[in-house]
Amino acid sequence: MKLRESPSSENGADYACDEPDCLVHYSRSDGYFLNTQDQLLIKRAPIPPHQYCSKDRYPMYLLEVQPSQPSFRLWRCPKCNMSRCGGTLI
């Protein structure tokens, strides 16, 4: 994902997927979201992942995945840097 300026985001910036036709964005205040108003696309697209920090309730971002272990997900809180892997705080 690349950093992009966004007037709709709380801190004026969000991250956007680089792939063509990818609508997934991430902002510190909203977490992952689909950047479209097209209700048909929203209904057809998979729901973006959401994890929230148990310490401060900020939306976490997906820090790492491992193709060799498809169920592995490492999440990080942008505010306090707490990490979570498989539901366990690290």
C-alpha atoms as a PDB file:
ATOM      1  CA  MET A   1       0.000   0.000   0.000  1.00  0.00           C
ATOM      2  CA  LYS A   2       1.115   3.537  -0.742  1.00  0.00           C
ATOM      3  CA  LEU A   3       0.572   6.642   1.345  1.00  0.00           C
ATOM      4  CA  ARG A   4      -1.887   9.049  -0.264  1.00  0.00           C
ATOM      5  CA  GLU A   5      -3.262  12.404   0.804  1.00  0.00           C
ATOM      6  CA  SER A   6      -6.949  12.220   1.632  1.00  0.00           C
ATOM      7  CA  PRO A   7      -9.173  15.106   2.784  1.00  0.00           C
ATOM      8  CA  SER A   8     -11.723  12.605   4.176  1.00  0.00           C
ATOM      9  CA  SER A   9      -9.231  11.028   6.588  1.00  0.00           C
ATOM     10  CA  GLU A  10      -8.767  12.318  10.155  1.00  0.00           C
ATOM     11  CA  ASN A  11      -5.033  12.873   9.753  1.00  0.00           C
ATOM     12  CA  GLY A  12      -5.226  13.971   6.094  1.00  0.00           C
ATOM     13  CA  ALA A  13      -3.667  10.787   4.713  1.00  0.00           C
ATOM     14  CA  ASP A  14      -4.528   7.171   4.119  1.00  0.00           C
ATOM     15  CA  TYR A  15      -2.923   4.191   2.448  1.00  0.00           C
ATOM     16  CA  ALA A  16      -4.192   2.763  -0.815  1.00  0.00           C
ATOM     17  CA  CYS A  17      -3.674  -0.566  -2.537  1.00  0.00           C
ATOM     18  CA  ASP A  18      -1.346  -0.407  -5.570  1.00  0.00           C
ATOM     19  CA  GLU A  19      -3.081  -3.092  -7.610  1.00  0.00           C
ATOM     20  CA  PRO A  20      -5.323  -2.093 -10.532  1.00  0.00           C
ATOM     21  CA  ASP A  21      -9.029  -2.025  -9.617  1.00  0.00           C
ATOM     22  CA  CYS A  22      -8.241  -2.495  -5.887  1.00  0.00           C
ATOM     23  CA  LEU A  23     -10.543  -0.391  -3.710  1.00  0.00           C
ATOM     24  CA  VAL A  24      -9.006  -1.217  -0.329  1.00  0.00           C
ATOM     25  CA  HIS A  25      -7.680   1.718   1.694  1.00  0.00           C
ATOM     26  CA  TYR A  26      -6.480   2.068   5.278  1.00  0.00           C
ATOM     27  CA  SER A  27      -6.606   5.088   7.576  1.00  0.00           C
ATOM     28  CA  ARG A  28      -5.534   5.410  11.168  1.00  0.00           C
ATOM     29  CA  SER A  29      -8.995   6.513  12.254  1.00  0.00           C
ATOM     30  CA  ASP A  30     -11.143   4.114  10.170  1.00  0.00           C
ATOM     31  CA  GLY A  31      -8.983   1.019   9.669  1.00  0.00           C
ATOM     32  CA  TYR A  32      -9.492  -0.824   6.362  1.00  0.00           C
ATOM     33  CA  PHE A  33     -12.298   0.328   4.101  1.00  0.00           C
ATOM     34  CA  LEU A  34     -13.455   0.202   0.476  1.00  0.00           C
ATOM     35  CA  ASN A  35     -12.960   3.556  -1.260  1.00  0.00           C
ATOM     36  CA  THR A  36     -16.118   3.660  -3.352  1.00  0.00           C
ATOM     37  CA  GLN A  37     -19.697   4.873  -3.140  1.00  0.00           C
ATOM     38  CA  ASP A  38     -20.867   2.183  -5.593  1.00  0.00           C
ATOM     39  CA  GLN A  39     -23.178  -0.011  -3.498  1.00  0.00           C
ATOM     40  CA  LEU A  40     -23.032  -2.846  -6.051  1.00  0.00           C
ATOM     41  CA  LEU A  41     -19.231  -3.026  -5.736  1.00  0.00           C
ATOM     42  CA  ILE A  42     -19.451  -2.857  -1.946  1.00  0.00           C
ATOM     43  CA  LYS A  43     -21.919  -5.768  -1.870  1.00  0.00           C
ATOM     44  CA  ARG A  44     -19.767  -7.919  -4.202  1.00  0.00           C
ATOM     45  CA  ALA A  45     -16.367  -7.161  -2.638  1.00  0.00           C
ATOM     46  CA  PRO A  46     -15.027  -9.175   0.286  1.00  0.00           C
ATOM     47  CA  ILE A  47     -15.259  -7.369   3.609  1.00  0.00           C
ATOM     48  CA  PRO A  48     -11.914  -5.790   4.513  1.00  0.00           C
ATOM     49  CA  PRO A  49     -10.328  -7.271   7.656  1.00  0.00           C
ATOM     50  CA  HIS A  50     -10.743  -5.489  10.976  1.00  0.00           C
ATOM     51  CA  GLN A  51      -8.854  -5.880  14.231  1.00  0.00           C
ATOM     52  CA  TYR A  52      -8.980  -3.362  17.049  1.00  0.00           C
ATOM     53  CA  CYS A  53      -6.355  -2.725  19.721  1.00  0.00           C
ATOM     54  CA  SER A  54      -7.557  -3.901  23.125  1.00  0.00           C
ATOM     55  CA  LYS A  55      -5.534  -1.138  24.797  1.00  0.00           C
ATOM     56  CA  ASP A  56      -6.834   1.963  22.989  1.00  0.00           C
ATOM     57  CA  ARG A  57      -9.465   0.605  20.514  1.00  0.00           C
ATOM     58  CA  TYR A  58      -7.662   2.026  17.444  1.00  0.00           C
ATOM     59  CA  PRO A  59      -8.033   0.005  14.217  1.00  0.00           C
ATOM     60  CA  MET A  60      -4.922  -2.134  13.723  1.00  0.00           C
ATOM     61  CA  TYR A  61      -3.162  -2.578  10.396  1.00  0.00           C
ATOM     62  CA  LEU A  62      -1.969  -5.820   8.858  1.00  0.00           C
ATOM     63  CA  LEU A  63       1.810  -5.744   9.302  1.00  0.00           C
ATOM     64  CA  GLU A  64       2.783  -9.158   7.991  1.00  0.00           C
ATOM     65  CA  VAL A  65       1.404 -12.222   6.240  1.00  0.00           C
ATOM     66  CA  GLN A  66       3.298 -15.373   5.338  1.00  0.00           C
ATOM     67  CA  PRO A  67       2.364 -17.109   2.076  1.00  0.00           C
ATOM     68  CA  SER A  68       3.764 -20.391   3.435  1.00  0.00           C
ATOM     69  CA  GLN A  69       1.296 -20.153   6.379  1.00  0.00           C
ATOM     70  CA  PRO A  70      -2.007 -18.783   4.970  1.00  0.00           C
ATOM     71  CA  SER A  71      -3.602 -18.419   8.425  1.00  0.00           C
ATOM     72  CA  PHE A  72      -0.748 -16.274   9.788  1.00  0.00           C
ATOM     73  CA  ARG A  73      -1.652 -12.590  10.321  1.00  0.00           C
ATOM     74  CA  LEU A  74       0.450 -10.112  12.341  1.00  0.00           C
ATOM     75  CA  TRP A  75      -1.471  -6.949  13.263  1.00  0.00           C
ATOM     76  CA  ARG A  76      -0.035  -3.700  14.717  1.00  0.00           C
ATOM     77  CA  CYS A  77      -1.679  -0.740  16.435  1.00  0.00           C
ATOM     78  CA  PRO A  78      -0.650   2.602  14.865  1.00  0.00           C
ATOM     79  CA  LYS A  79      -1.033   4.433  18.173  1.00  0.00           C
ATOM     80  CA  CYS A  80       0.682   2.259  20.799  1.00  0.00           C
ATOM     81  CA  ASN A  81       2.574  -0.243  18.554  1.00  0.00           C
ATOM     82  CA  MET A  82       1.013  -3.238  20.325  1.00  0.00           C
ATOM     83  CA  SER A  83       0.934  -6.318  18.091  1.00  0.00           C
ATOM     84  CA  ARG A  84      -1.497  -9.212  17.825  1.00  0.00           C
ATOM     85  CA  CYS A  85      -0.991 -12.538  16.110  1.00  0.00           C
ATOM     86  CA  GLY A  86      -3.757 -15.133  15.901  1.00  0.00           C
ATOM     87  CA  GLY A  87      -5.793 -13.332  18.580  1.00  0.00           C
ATOM     88  CA  THR A  88      -2.854 -13.239  21.024  1.00  0.00           C
ATOM     89  CA  LEU A  89      -1.267  -9.950  22.074  1.00  0.00           C
ATOM     90  CA  ILE A  90       2.488  -9.772  21.572  1.00  0.00           C
END
